[in-house]
Amino acid sequence: MSNEKIYKMEFSKIYPLLVNKAERKGRTRAEVDEVITWLTGYTAEQIASLSGSGICYGEFFRDAPAKNPDRVKITGTVCGVRVEKIEDEFLREVRYLDKLVDELAKDKSMDKILRK
């Protein structure tokens, strides 16, 4: 899938997929919101509002109020690609979120997921 297609996908379509992935493994929506908040600076209320809006994934990341500087500590692979080696900034942000939700689904502690 091209970056442009990912950029234009609606956050309202992706967010439930992230939540479902976590919930299938016994985690909660609140925990998904917590990792999104840590990564982007959006509040849980803003995430809820954006998940019901027509905002595209690209705008969601571009307009993030406070990208966490510790997000660069996120390493590993998502879909066979090392996140720290992704050159495209937008795609790297997307993969950071994917990696955090993967770690949540793998039952890692929140302290480890949030790089504390």
PDB file of N, CA and C in Angstrom:
ATOM      1  N   MET A   1       0.858  -1.183   0.000  1.00  0.00           N
ATOM      2  CA  MET A   1       0.000   0.000   0.000  1.00  0.00           C
ATOM      3  C   MET A   1       0.894   1.233   0.000  1.00  0.00           C
ATOM      4  N   SER A   2       0.570   2.188  -0.827  1.00  0.00           N
ATOM      5  CA  SER A   2       1.383   3.393  -0.914  1.00  0.00           C
ATOM      6  C   SER A   2       1.171   4.275   0.313  1.00  0.00           C
ATOM      7  N   ASN A   3       2.179   5.104   0.599  1.00  0.00           N
ATOM      8  CA  ASN A   3       2.083   6.026   1.727  1.00  0.00           C
ATOM      9  C   ASN A   3       0.900   6.963   1.567  1.00  0.00           C
ATOM     10  N   GLU A   4       0.615   7.364   0.321  1.00  0.00           N
ATOM     11  CA  GLU A   4      -0.497   8.280   0.063  1.00  0.00           C
ATOM     12  C   GLU A   4      -1.830   7.652   0.476  1.00  0.00           C
ATOM     13  N   LYS A   5      -2.001   6.371   0.199  1.00  0.00           N
ATOM     14  CA  LYS A   5      -3.245   5.690   0.593  1.00  0.00           C
ATOM     15  C   LYS A   5      -3.363   5.629   2.109  1.00  0.00           C
ATOM     16  N   ILE A   6      -2.249   5.336   2.779  1.00  0.00           N
ATOM     17  CA  ILE A   6      -2.260   5.285   4.241  1.00  0.00           C
ATOM     18  C   ILE A   6      -2.559   6.669   4.800  1.00  0.00           C
ATOM     19  N   TYR A   7      -1.940   7.687   4.229  1.00  0.00           N
ATOM     20  CA  TYR A   7      -2.130   9.067   4.667  1.00  0.00           C
ATOM     21  C   TYR A   7      -3.607   9.466   4.603  1.00  0.00           C
ATOM     22  N   LYS A   8      -4.298   8.999   3.573  1.00  0.00           N
ATOM     23  CA  LYS A   8      -5.689   9.409   3.357  1.00  0.00           C
ATOM     24  C   LYS A   8      -6.714   8.544   4.091  1.00  0.00           C
ATOM     25  N   MET A   9      -6.290   7.435   4.696  1.00  0.00           N
ATOM     26  CA  MET A   9      -7.226   6.584   5.426  1.00  0.00           C
ATOM     27  C   MET A   9      -7.815   7.368   6.599  1.00  0.00           C
ATOM     28  N   GLU A  10      -9.072   7.129   6.872  1.00  0.00           N
ATOM     29  CA  GLU A  10      -9.725   7.848   7.968  1.00  0.00           C
ATOM     30  C   GLU A  10      -9.341   7.234   9.309  1.00  0.00           C
ATOM     31  N   PHE A  11      -9.006   8.095  10.255  1.00  0.00           N
ATOM     32  CA  PHE A  11      -8.687   7.638  11.605  1.00  0.00           C
ATOM     33  C   PHE A  11      -9.860   6.866  12.198  1.00  0.00           C
ATOM     34  N   SER A  12     -11.079   7.246  11.841  1.00  0.00           N
ATOM     35  CA  SER A  12     -12.272   6.568  12.362  1.00  0.00           C
ATOM     36  C   SER A  12     -12.352   5.109  11.916  1.00  0.00           C
ATOM     37  N   LYS A  13     -11.653   4.754  10.850  1.00  0.00           N
ATOM     38  CA  LYS A  13     -11.623   3.364  10.379  1.00  0.00           C
ATOM     39  C   LYS A  13     -10.474   2.592  11.047  1.00  0.00           C
ATOM     40  N   ILE A  14      -9.383   3.262  11.370  1.00  0.00           N
ATOM     41  CA  ILE A  14      -8.204   2.609  11.919  1.00  0.00           C
ATOM     42  C   ILE A  14      -8.301   2.430  13.431  1.00  0.00           C
ATOM     43  N   TYR A  15      -8.825   3.430  14.113  1.00  0.00           N
ATOM     44  CA  TYR A  15      -8.887   3.392  15.573  1.00  0.00           C
ATOM     45  C   TYR A  15      -9.599   2.134  16.095  1.00  0.00           C
ATOM     46  N   PRO A  16     -10.772   1.771  15.565  1.00  0.00           N
ATOM     47  CA  PRO A  16     -11.419   0.549  16.071  1.00  0.00           C
ATOM     48  C   PRO A  16     -10.571  -0.704  15.846  1.00  0.00           C
ATOM     49  N   LEU A  17      -9.787  -0.735  14.788  1.00  0.00           N
ATOM     50  CA  LEU A  17      -8.910  -1.883  14.536  1.00  0.00           C
ATOM     51  C   LEU A  17      -7.825  -1.979  15.610  1.00  0.00           C
ATOM     52  N   LEU A  18      -7.284  -0.835  15.992  1.00  0.00           N
ATOM     53  CA  LEU A  18      -6.275  -0.811  17.047  1.00  0.00           C
ATOM     54  C   LEU A  18      -6.875  -1.279  18.373  1.00  0.00           C
ATOM     55  N   VAL A  19      -8.062  -0.779  18.688  1.00  0.00           N
ATOM     56  CA  VAL A  19      -8.739  -1.157  19.931  1.00  0.00           C
ATOM     57  C   VAL A  19      -9.080  -2.644  19.914  1.00  0.00           C
ATOM     58  N   ASN A  20      -9.611  -3.138  18.807  1.00  0.00           N
ATOM     59  CA  ASN A  20      -9.973  -4.560  18.717  1.00  0.00           C
ATOM     60  C   ASN A  20      -8.763  -5.462  18.905  1.00  0.00           C
ATOM     61  N   LYS A  21      -7.641  -5.086  18.327  1.00  0.00           N
ATOM     62  CA  LYS A  21      -6.422  -5.880  18.463  1.00  0.00           C
ATOM     63  C   LYS A  21      -6.041  -6.006  19.938  1.00  0.00           C
ATOM     64  N   ALA A  22      -6.098  -4.898  20.656  1.00  0.00           N
ATOM     65  CA  ALA A  22      -5.752  -4.907  22.071  1.00  0.00           C
ATOM     66  C   ALA A  22      -6.790  -5.674  22.895  1.00  0.00           C
ATOM     67  N   GLU A  23      -8.063  -5.448  22.608  1.00  0.00           N
ATOM     68  CA  GLU A  23      -9.122  -6.098  23.394  1.00  0.00           C
ATOM     69  C   GLU A  23      -9.144  -7.609  23.193  1.00  0.00           C
ATOM     70  N   ARG A  24      -8.790  -8.077  22.013  1.00  0.00           N
ATOM     71  CA  ARG A  24      -8.724  -9.530  21.778  1.00  0.00           C
ATOM     72  C   ARG A  24      -7.705 -10.197  22.686  1.00  0.00           C
ATOM     73  N   LYS A  25      -6.733  -9.433  23.124  1.00  0.00           N
ATOM     74  CA  LYS A  25      -5.682  -9.959  23.998  1.00  0.00           C
ATOM     75  C   LYS A  25      -5.883  -9.558  25.455  1.00  0.00           C
ATOM     76  N   GLY A  26      -7.078  -9.072  25.789  1.00  0.00           N
ATOM     77  CA  GLY A  26      -7.403  -8.759  27.178  1.00  0.00           C
ATOM     78  C   GLY A  26      -7.014  -7.370  27.641  1.00  0.00           C
ATOM     79  N   ARG A  27      -6.618  -6.508  26.728  1.00  0.00           N
ATOM     80  CA  ARG A  27      -6.304  -5.134  27.100  1.00  0.00           C
ATOM     81  C   ARG A  27      -7.529  -4.264  26.861  1.00  0.00           C
ATOM     82  N   THR A  28      -7.456  -2.985  27.190  1.00  0.00           N
ATOM     83  CA  THR A  28      -8.642  -2.131  27.141  1.00  0.00           C
ATOM     84  C   THR A  28      -8.470  -0.953  26.182  1.00  0.00           C
ATOM     85  N   ARG A  29      -9.606  -0.367  25.836  1.00  0.00           N
ATOM     86  CA  ARG A  29      -9.614   0.854  25.024  1.00  0.00           C
ATOM     87  C   ARG A  29      -8.846   1.963  25.738  1.00  0.00           C
ATOM     88  N   ALA A  30      -9.022   2.032  27.052  1.00  0.00           N
ATOM     89  CA  ALA A  30      -8.327   3.069  27.835  1.00  0.00           C
ATOM     90  C   ALA A  30      -6.810   2.916  27.702  1.00  0.00           C
ATOM     91  N   GLU A  31      -6.324   1.693  27.642  1.00  0.00           N
ATOM     92  CA  GLU A  31      -4.889   1.476  27.482  1.00  0.00           C
ATOM     93  C   GLU A  31      -4.423   1.880  26.082  1.00  0.00           C
ATOM     94  N   VAL A  32      -5.248   1.606  25.075  1.00  0.00           N
ATOM     95  CA  VAL A  32      -4.926   2.056  23.717  1.00  0.00           C
ATOM     96  C   VAL A  32      -4.873   3.581  23.698  1.00  0.00           C
ATOM     97  N   ASP A  33      -5.855   4.213  24.330  1.00  0.00           N
ATOM     98  CA  ASP A  33      -5.860   5.679  24.406  1.00  0.00           C
ATOM     99  C   ASP A  33      -4.620   6.198  25.132  1.00  0.00           C
ATOM    100  N   GLU A  34      -4.194   5.481  26.156  1.00  0.00           N
ATOM    101  CA  GLU A  34      -3.014   5.907  26.909  1.00  0.00           C
ATOM    102  C   GLU A  34      -1.762   5.886  26.032  1.00  0.00           C
ATOM    103  N   VAL A  35      -1.597   4.838  25.215  1.00  0.00           N
ATOM    104  CA  VAL A  35      -0.409   4.804  24.354  1.00  0.00           C
ATOM    105  C   VAL A  35      -0.505   5.853  23.242  1.00  0.00           C
ATOM    106  N   ILE A  36      -1.717   6.101  22.737  1.00  0.00           N
ATOM    107  CA  ILE A  36      -1.883   7.148  21.721  1.00  0.00           C
ATOM    108  C   ILE A  36      -1.583   8.512  22.333  1.00  0.00           C
ATOM    109  N   THR A  37      -2.051   8.734  23.554  1.00  0.00           N
ATOM    110  CA  THR A  37      -1.785   9.986  24.255  1.00  0.00           C
ATOM    111  C   THR A  37      -0.289  10.166  24.472  1.00  0.00           C
ATOM    112  N   TRP A  38       0.375   9.112  24.910  1.00  0.00           N
ATOM    113  CA  TRP A  38       1.824   9.184  25.128  1.00  0.00           C
ATOM    114  C   TRP A  38       2.561   9.532  23.836  1.00  0.00           C
ATOM    115  N   LEU A  39       2.144   8.917  22.736  1.00  0.00           N
ATOM    116  CA  LEU A  39       2.822   9.113  21.459  1.00  0.00           C
ATOM    117  C   LEU A  39       2.543  10.481  20.851  1.00  0.00           C
ATOM    118  N   THR A  40       1.290  10.935  20.917  1.00  0.00           N
ATOM    119  CA  THR A  40       0.870  12.111  20.153  1.00  0.00           C
ATOM    120  C   THR A  40       0.549  13.357  20.974  1.00  0.00           C
ATOM    121  N   GLY A  41       0.180  13.180  22.230  1.00  0.00           N
ATOM    122  CA  GLY A  41      -0.225  14.314  23.048  1.00  0.00           C
ATOM    123  C   GLY A  41      -1.718  14.581  23.034  1.00  0.00           C
ATOM    124  N   TYR A  42      -2.473  13.844  22.220  1.00  0.00           N
ATOM    125  CA  TYR A  42      -3.929  13.988  22.249  1.00  0.00           C
ATOM    126  C   TYR A  42      -4.456  13.469  23.583  1.00  0.00           C
ATOM    127  N   THR A  43      -5.503  14.094  24.104  1.00  0.00           N
ATOM    128  CA  THR A  43      -6.163  13.589  25.307  1.00  0.00           C
ATOM    129  C   THR A  43      -7.138  12.488  24.909  1.00  0.00           C
ATOM    130  N   ALA A  44      -7.600  11.728  25.898  1.00  0.00           N
ATOM    131  CA  ALA A  44      -8.583  10.673  25.619  1.00  0.00           C
ATOM    132  C   ALA A  44      -9.844  11.275  25.005  1.00  0.00           C
ATOM    133  N   GLU A  45     -10.230  12.459  25.462  1.00  0.00           N
ATOM    134  CA  GLU A  45     -11.416  13.123  24.924  1.00  0.00           C
ATOM    135  C   GLU A  45     -11.203  13.519  23.457  1.00  0.00           C
ATOM    136  N   GLN A  46     -10.017  14.020  23.154  1.00  0.00           N
ATOM    137  CA  GLN A  46      -9.707  14.379  21.765  1.00  0.00           C
ATOM    138  C   GLN A  46      -9.689  13.136  20.867  1.00  0.00           C
ATOM    139  N   ILE A  47      -9.134  12.049  21.378  1.00  0.00           N
ATOM    140  CA  ILE A  47      -9.097  10.808  20.604  1.00  0.00           C
ATOM    141  C   ILE A  47     -10.513  10.344  20.315  1.00  0.00           C
ATOM    142  N   ALA A  48     -11.382  10.386  21.315  1.00  0.00           N
ATOM    143  CA  ALA A  48     -12.776   9.984  21.122  1.00  0.00           C
ATOM    144  C   ALA A  48     -13.447  10.867  20.074  1.00  0.00           C
ATOM    145  N   SER A  49     -13.207  12.154  20.157  1.00  0.00           N
ATOM    146  CA  SER A  49     -13.794  13.080  19.191  1.00  0.00           C
ATOM    147  C   SER A  49     -13.258  12.822  17.782  1.00  0.00           C
ATOM    148  N   LEU A  50     -11.949  12.643  17.665  1.00  0.00           N
ATOM    149  CA  LEU A  50     -11.339  12.414  16.354  1.00  0.00           C
ATOM    150  C   LEU A  50     -11.760  11.078  15.761  1.00  0.00           C
ATOM    151  N   SER A  51     -12.022  10.093  16.620  1.00  0.00           N
ATOM    152  CA  SER A  51     -12.426   8.775  16.116  1.00  0.00           C
ATOM    153  C   SER A  51     -13.833   8.808  15.530  1.00  0.00           C
ATOM    154  N   GLY A  52     -14.564   9.866  15.817  1.00  0.00           N
ATOM    155  CA  GLY A  52     -15.901  10.030  15.250  1.00  0.00           C
ATOM    156  C   GLY A  52     -15.950  11.060  14.140  1.00  0.00           C
ATOM    157  N   SER A  53     -14.791  11.590  13.801  1.00  0.00           N
ATOM    158  CA  SER A  53     -14.737  12.634  12.767  1.00  0.00           C
ATOM    159  C   SER A  53     -14.221  12.042  11.461  1.00  0.00           C
ATOM    160  N   GLY A  54     -14.047  12.869  10.495  1.00  0.00           N
ATOM    161  CA  GLY A  54     -13.549  12.434   9.191  1.00  0.00           C
ATOM    162  C   GLY A  54     -12.069  12.693   8.991  1.00  0.00           C
ATOM    163  N   ILE A  55     -11.333  12.960  10.081  1.00  0.00           N
ATOM    164  CA  ILE A  55      -9.909  13.278   9.955  1.00  0.00           C
ATOM    165  C   ILE A  55      -9.156  12.090   9.362  1.00  0.00           C
ATOM    166  N   CYS A  56      -8.238  12.389   8.465  1.00  0.00           N
ATOM    167  CA  CYS A  56      -7.439  11.318   7.867  1.00  0.00           C
ATOM    168  C   CYS A  56      -6.229  11.044   8.763  1.00  0.00           C
ATOM    169  N   TYR A  57      -5.668   9.871   8.582  1.00  0.00           N
ATOM    170  CA  TYR A  57      -4.541   9.426   9.399  1.00  0.00           C
ATOM    171  C   TYR A  57      -3.362  10.400   9.291  1.00  0.00           C
ATOM    172  N   GLY A  58      -3.124  10.905   8.110  1.00  0.00           N
ATOM    173  CA  GLY A  58      -2.033  11.850   7.922  1.00  0.00           C
ATOM    174  C   GLY A  58      -2.225  13.110   8.741  1.00  0.00           C
ATOM    175  N   GLU A  59      -3.434  13.661   8.721  1.00  0.00           N
ATOM    176  CA  GLU A  59      -3.726  14.859   9.513  1.00  0.00           C
ATOM    177  C   GLU A  59      -3.639  14.553  10.998  1.00  0.00           C
ATOM    178  N   PHE A  60      -4.089  13.369  11.384  1.00  0.00           N
ATOM    179  CA  PHE A  60      -4.044  12.968  12.790  1.00  0.00           C
ATOM    180  C   PHE A  60      -2.612  13.074  13.319  1.00  0.00           C
ATOM    181  N   PHE A  61      -1.657  12.547  12.568  1.00  0.00           N
ATOM    182  CA  PHE A  61      -0.263  12.607  13.019  1.00  0.00           C
ATOM    183  C   PHE A  61       0.346  13.991  12.810  1.00  0.00           C
ATOM    184  N   ARG A  62       0.050  14.623  11.698  1.00  0.00           N
ATOM    185  CA  ARG A  62       0.613  15.949  11.425  1.00  0.00           C
ATOM    186  C   ARG A  62       0.166  16.968  12.472  1.00  0.00           C
ATOM    187  N   ASP A  63      -1.093  16.885  12.898  1.00  0.00           N
ATOM    188  CA  ASP A  63      -1.652  17.854  13.841  1.00  0.00           C
ATOM    189  C   ASP A  63      -1.500  17.446  15.310  1.00  0.00           C
ATOM    190  N   ALA A  64      -0.767  16.365  15.564  1.00  0.00           N
ATOM    191  CA  ALA A  64      -0.597  15.897  16.948  1.00  0.00           C
ATOM    192  C   ALA A  64      -0.061  17.040  17.812  1.00  0.00           C
ATOM    193  N   PRO A  65      -0.709  17.288  18.943  1.00  0.00           N
ATOM    194  CA  PRO A  65      -0.344  18.448  19.751  1.00  0.00           C
ATOM    195  C   PRO A  65       1.029  18.371  20.413  1.00  0.00           C
ATOM    196  N   ALA A  66       1.497  17.179  20.747  1.00  0.00           N
ATOM    197  CA  ALA A  66       2.771  17.083  21.470  1.00  0.00           C
ATOM    198  C   ALA A  66       3.398  15.710  21.243  1.00  0.00           C
ATOM    199  N   LYS A  67       4.074  15.555  20.119  1.00  0.00           N
ATOM    200  CA  LYS A  67       4.733  14.269  19.844  1.00  0.00           C
ATOM    201  C   LYS A  67       5.798  14.030  20.911  1.00  0.00           C
ATOM    202  N   ASN A  68       5.747  12.867  21.494  1.00  0.00           N
ATOM    203  CA  ASN A  68       6.652  12.533  22.581  1.00  0.00           C
ATOM    204  C   ASN A  68       8.081  12.369  22.056  1.00  0.00           C
ATOM    205  N   PRO A  69       9.028  13.106  22.615  1.00  0.00           N
ATOM    206  CA  PRO A  69      10.409  12.978  22.135  1.00  0.00           C
ATOM    207  C   PRO A  69      10.991  11.583  22.378  1.00  0.00           C
ATOM    208  N   ASP A  70      10.452  10.841  23.342  1.00  0.00           N
ATOM    209  CA  ASP A  70      10.940   9.492  23.621  1.00  0.00           C
ATOM    210  C   ASP A  70      10.442   8.458  22.607  1.00  0.00           C
ATOM    211  N   ARG A  71       9.636   8.885  21.644  1.00  0.00           N
ATOM    212  CA  ARG A  71       9.133   7.932  20.646  1.00  0.00           C
ATOM    213  C   ARG A  71      10.271   7.343  19.826  1.00  0.00           C
ATOM    214  N   VAL A  72      11.395   8.030  19.760  1.00  0.00           N
ATOM    215  CA  VAL A  72      12.545   7.504  19.010  1.00  0.00           C
ATOM    216  C   VAL A  72      13.147   6.275  19.692  1.00  0.00           C
ATOM    217  N   LYS A  73      12.758   6.024  20.941  1.00  0.00           N
ATOM    218  CA  LYS A  73      13.213   4.824  21.649  1.00  0.00           C
ATOM    219  C   LYS A  73      12.447   3.578  21.197  1.00  0.00           C
ATOM    220  N   ILE A  74      11.409   3.763  20.405  1.00  0.00           N
ATOM    221  CA  ILE A  74      10.629   2.630  19.917  1.00  0.00           C
ATOM    222  C   ILE A  74      11.428   1.957  18.809  1.00  0.00           C
ATOM    223  N   THR A  75      11.763   0.707  19.041  1.00  0.00           N
ATOM    224  CA  THR A  75      12.528  -0.049  18.060  1.00  0.00           C
ATOM    225  C   THR A  75      11.874  -1.410  17.853  1.00  0.00           C
ATOM    226  N   GLY A  76      12.321  -2.099  16.838  1.00  0.00           N
ATOM    227  CA  GLY A  76      11.791  -3.427  16.558  1.00  0.00           C
ATOM    228  C   GLY A  76      11.150  -3.465  15.189  1.00  0.00           C
ATOM    229  N   THR A  77      10.484  -4.557  14.920  1.00  0.00           N
ATOM    230  CA  THR A  77       9.891  -4.732  13.596  1.00  0.00           C
ATOM    231  C   THR A  77       8.373  -4.724  13.643  1.00  0.00           C
ATOM    232  N   VAL A  78       7.809  -4.171  12.596  1.00  0.00           N
ATOM    233  CA  VAL A  78       6.371  -4.207  12.344  1.00  0.00           C
ATOM    234  C   VAL A  78       6.232  -4.571  10.876  1.00  0.00           C
ATOM    235  N   CYS A  79       5.513  -5.634  10.608  1.00  0.00           N
ATOM    236  CA  CYS A  79       5.343  -6.101   9.228  1.00  0.00           C
ATOM    237  C   CYS A  79       6.696  -6.370   8.568  1.00  0.00           C
ATOM    238  N   GLY A  80       7.647  -6.865   9.353  1.00  0.00           N
ATOM    239  CA  GLY A  80       8.954  -7.217   8.821  1.00  0.00           C
ATOM    240  C   GLY A  80       9.887  -6.053   8.551  1.00  0.00           C
ATOM    241  N   VAL A  81       9.510  -4.859   8.976  1.00  0.00           N
ATOM    242  CA  VAL A  81      10.333  -3.668   8.733  1.00  0.00           C
ATOM    243  C   VAL A  81      10.756  -3.084  10.076  1.00  0.00           C
ATOM    244  N   ARG A  82      12.020  -2.761  10.225  1.00  0.00           N
ATOM    245  CA  ARG A  82      12.513  -2.141  11.451  1.00  0.00           C
ATOM    246  C   ARG A  82      12.035  -0.689  11.503  1.00  0.00           C
ATOM    247  N   VAL A  83      11.274  -0.352  12.542  1.00  0.00           N
ATOM    248  CA  VAL A  83      10.677   0.978  12.628  1.00  0.00           C
ATOM    249  C   VAL A  83      11.720   2.084  12.703  1.00  0.00           C
ATOM    250  N   GLU A  84      12.822   1.817  13.372  1.00  0.00           N
ATOM    251  CA  GLU A  84      13.836   2.859  13.522  1.00  0.00           C
ATOM    252  C   GLU A  84      14.575   3.167  12.222  1.00  0.00           C
ATOM    253  N   LYS A  85      14.413   2.331  11.215  1.00  0.00           N
ATOM    254  CA  LYS A  85      15.094   2.545   9.932  1.00  0.00           C
ATOM    255  C   LYS A  85      14.171   3.112   8.850  1.00  0.00           C
ATOM    256  N   ILE A  86      12.919   3.368   9.190  1.00  0.00           N
ATOM    257  CA  ILE A  86      11.983   3.933   8.217  1.00  0.00           C
ATOM    258  C   ILE A  86      12.330   5.400   8.011  1.00  0.00           C
ATOM    259  N   GLU A  87      12.617   5.763   6.777  1.00  0.00           N
ATOM    260  CA  GLU A  87      13.039   7.143   6.486  1.00  0.00           C
ATOM    261  C   GLU A  87      11.873   8.116   6.402  1.00  0.00           C
ATOM    262  N   ASP A  88      10.735   7.688   5.872  1.00  0.00           N
ATOM    263  CA  ASP A  88       9.575   8.559   5.735  1.00  0.00           C
ATOM    264  C   ASP A  88       9.004   8.837   7.124  1.00  0.00           C
ATOM    265  N   GLU A  89       9.018  10.114   7.518  1.00  0.00           N
ATOM    266  CA  GLU A  89       8.591  10.496   8.874  1.00  0.00           C
ATOM    267  C   GLU A  89       7.155  10.077   9.173  1.00  0.00           C
ATOM    268  N   PHE A  90       6.243  10.302   8.228  1.00  0.00           N
ATOM    269  CA  PHE A  90       4.848   9.949   8.459  1.00  0.00           C
ATOM    270  C   PHE A  90       4.704   8.443   8.667  1.00  0.00           C
ATOM    271  N   LEU A  91       5.299   7.658   7.805  1.00  0.00           N
ATOM    272  CA  LEU A  91       5.186   6.209   7.904  1.00  0.00           C
ATOM    273  C   LEU A  91       5.826   5.706   9.197  1.00  0.00           C
ATOM    274  N   ARG A  92       6.911   6.334   9.624  1.00  0.00           N
ATOM    275  CA  ARG A  92       7.549   5.956  10.882  1.00  0.00           C
ATOM    276  C   ARG A  92       6.602   6.213  12.046  1.00  0.00           C
ATOM    277  N   GLU A  93       5.884   7.341  12.029  1.00  0.00           N
ATOM    278  CA  GLU A  93       4.914   7.638  13.093  1.00  0.00           C
ATOM    279  C   GLU A  93       3.807   6.585  13.132  1.00  0.00           C
ATOM    280  N   VAL A  94       3.325   6.195  11.960  1.00  0.00           N
ATOM    281  CA  VAL A  94       2.288   5.164  11.874  1.00  0.00           C
ATOM    282  C   VAL A  94       2.805   3.870  12.478  1.00  0.00           C
ATOM    283  N   ARG A  95       4.016   3.505  12.121  1.00  0.00           N
ATOM    284  CA  ARG A  95       4.608   2.248  12.619  1.00  0.00           C
ATOM    285  C   ARG A  95       4.917   2.321  14.105  1.00  0.00           C
ATOM    286  N   TYR A  96       5.251   3.507  14.613  1.00  0.00           N
ATOM    287  CA  TYR A  96       5.416   3.652  16.064  1.00  0.00           C
ATOM    288  C   TYR A  96       4.122   3.250  16.764  1.00  0.00           C
ATOM    289  N   LEU A  97       3.004   3.768  16.293  1.00  0.00           N
ATOM    290  CA  LEU A  97       1.728   3.440  16.913  1.00  0.00           C
ATOM    291  C   LEU A  97       1.424   1.957  16.763  1.00  0.00           C
ATOM    292  N   ASP A  98       1.667   1.399  15.590  1.00  0.00           N
ATOM    293  CA  ASP A  98       1.463  -0.041  15.395  1.00  0.00           C
ATOM    294  C   ASP A  98       2.287  -0.841  16.405  1.00  0.00           C
ATOM    295  N   LYS A  99       3.536  -0.464  16.585  1.00  0.00           N
ATOM    296  CA  LYS A  99       4.438  -1.175  17.494  1.00  0.00           C
ATOM    297  C   LYS A  99       3.945  -1.081  18.935  1.00  0.00           C
ATOM    298  N   LEU A 100       3.486   0.091  19.344  1.00  0.00           N
ATOM    299  CA  LEU A 100       2.975   0.251  20.705  1.00  0.00           C
ATOM    300  C   LEU A 100       1.756  -0.632  20.945  1.00  0.00           C
ATOM    301  N   VAL A 101       0.852  -0.683  19.988  1.00  0.00           N
ATOM    302  CA  VAL A 101      -0.344  -1.518  20.134  1.00  0.00           C
ATOM    303  C   VAL A 101       0.048  -2.999  20.105  1.00  0.00           C
ATOM    304  N   ASP A 102       1.022  -3.364  19.285  1.00  0.00           N
ATOM    305  CA  ASP A 102       1.534  -4.745  19.287  1.00  0.00           C
ATOM    306  C   ASP A 102       2.058  -5.121  20.666  1.00  0.00           C
ATOM    307  N   GLU A 103       2.828  -4.219  21.262  1.00  0.00           N
ATOM    308  CA  GLU A 103       3.382  -4.487  22.587  1.00  0.00           C
ATOM    309  C   GLU A 103       2.273  -4.593  23.627  1.00  0.00           C
ATOM    310  N   LEU A 104       1.263  -3.781  23.499  1.00  0.00           N
ATOM    311  CA  LEU A 104       0.106  -3.851  24.389  1.00  0.00           C
ATOM    312  C   LEU A 104      -0.562  -5.217  24.253  1.00  0.00           C
ATOM    313  N   ALA A 105      -0.766  -5.651  23.016  1.00  0.00           N
ATOM    314  CA  ALA A 105      -1.408  -6.940  22.758  1.00  0.00           C
ATOM    315  C   ALA A 105      -0.550  -8.114  23.229  1.00  0.00           C
ATOM    316  N   LYS A 106       0.750  -7.896  23.315  1.00  0.00           N
ATOM    317  CA  LYS A 106       1.656  -8.956  23.787  1.00  0.00           C
ATOM    318  C   LYS A 106       1.781  -8.939  25.304  1.00  0.00           C
ATOM    319  N   ASP A 107       0.946  -8.141  25.958  1.00  0.00           N
ATOM    320  CA  ASP A 107       0.840  -8.075  27.412  1.00  0.00           C
ATOM    321  C   ASP A 107       2.089  -7.534  28.101  1.00  0.00           C
ATOM    322  N   LYS A 108       2.805  -6.649  27.420  1.00  0.00           N
ATOM    323  CA  LYS A 108       3.926  -5.982  28.080  1.00  0.00           C
ATOM    324  C   LYS A 108       3.372  -4.997  29.101  1.00  0.00           C
ATOM    325  N   SER A 109       4.168  -4.692  30.100  1.00  0.00           N
ATOM    326  CA  SER A 109       3.728  -3.728  31.104  1.00  0.00           C
ATOM    327  C   SER A 109       3.689  -2.333  30.492  1.00  0.00           C
ATOM    328  N   MET A 110       2.811  -1.518  31.007  1.00  0.00           N
ATOM    329  CA  MET A 110       2.658  -0.159  30.485  1.00  0.00           C
ATOM    330  C   MET A 110       3.951   0.640  30.651  1.00  0.00           C
ATOM    331  N   ASP A 111       4.693   0.412  31.737  1.00  0.00           N
ATOM    332  CA  ASP A 111       5.962   1.111  31.922  1.00  0.00           C
ATOM    333  C   ASP A 111       6.937   0.812  30.788  1.00  0.00           C
ATOM    334  N   LYS A 112       7.007  -0.444  30.358  1.00  0.00           N
ATOM    335  CA  LYS A 112       7.898  -0.818  29.267  1.00  0.00           C
ATOM    336  C   LYS A 112       7.406  -0.241  27.944  1.00  0.00           C
ATOM    337  N   ILE A 113       6.087  -0.294  27.736  1.00  0.00           N
ATOM    338  CA  ILE A 113       5.522   0.224  26.479  1.00  0.00           C
ATOM    339  C   ILE A 113       5.791   1.721  26.353  1.00  0.00           C
ATOM    340  N   LEU A 114       5.654   2.441  27.450  1.00  0.00           N
ATOM    341  CA  LEU A 114       5.831   3.892  27.445  1.00  0.00           C
ATOM    342  C   LEU A 114       7.269   4.308  27.694  1.00  0.00           C
ATOM    343  N   ARG A 115       8.185   3.349  27.607  1.00  0.00           N
ATOM    344  CA  ARG A 115       9.624   3.609  27.682  1.00  0.00           C
ATOM    345  C   ARG A 115      10.019   4.377  28.933  1.00  0.00           C
ATOM    346  N   LYS A 116       9.477   3.936  30.086  1.00  0.00           N
ATOM    347  CA  LYS A 116       9.806   4.599  31.361  1.00  0.00           C
ATOM    348  C   LYS A 116      11.030   3.963  31.977  1.00  0.00           C
TER     349      LYS A 116
END
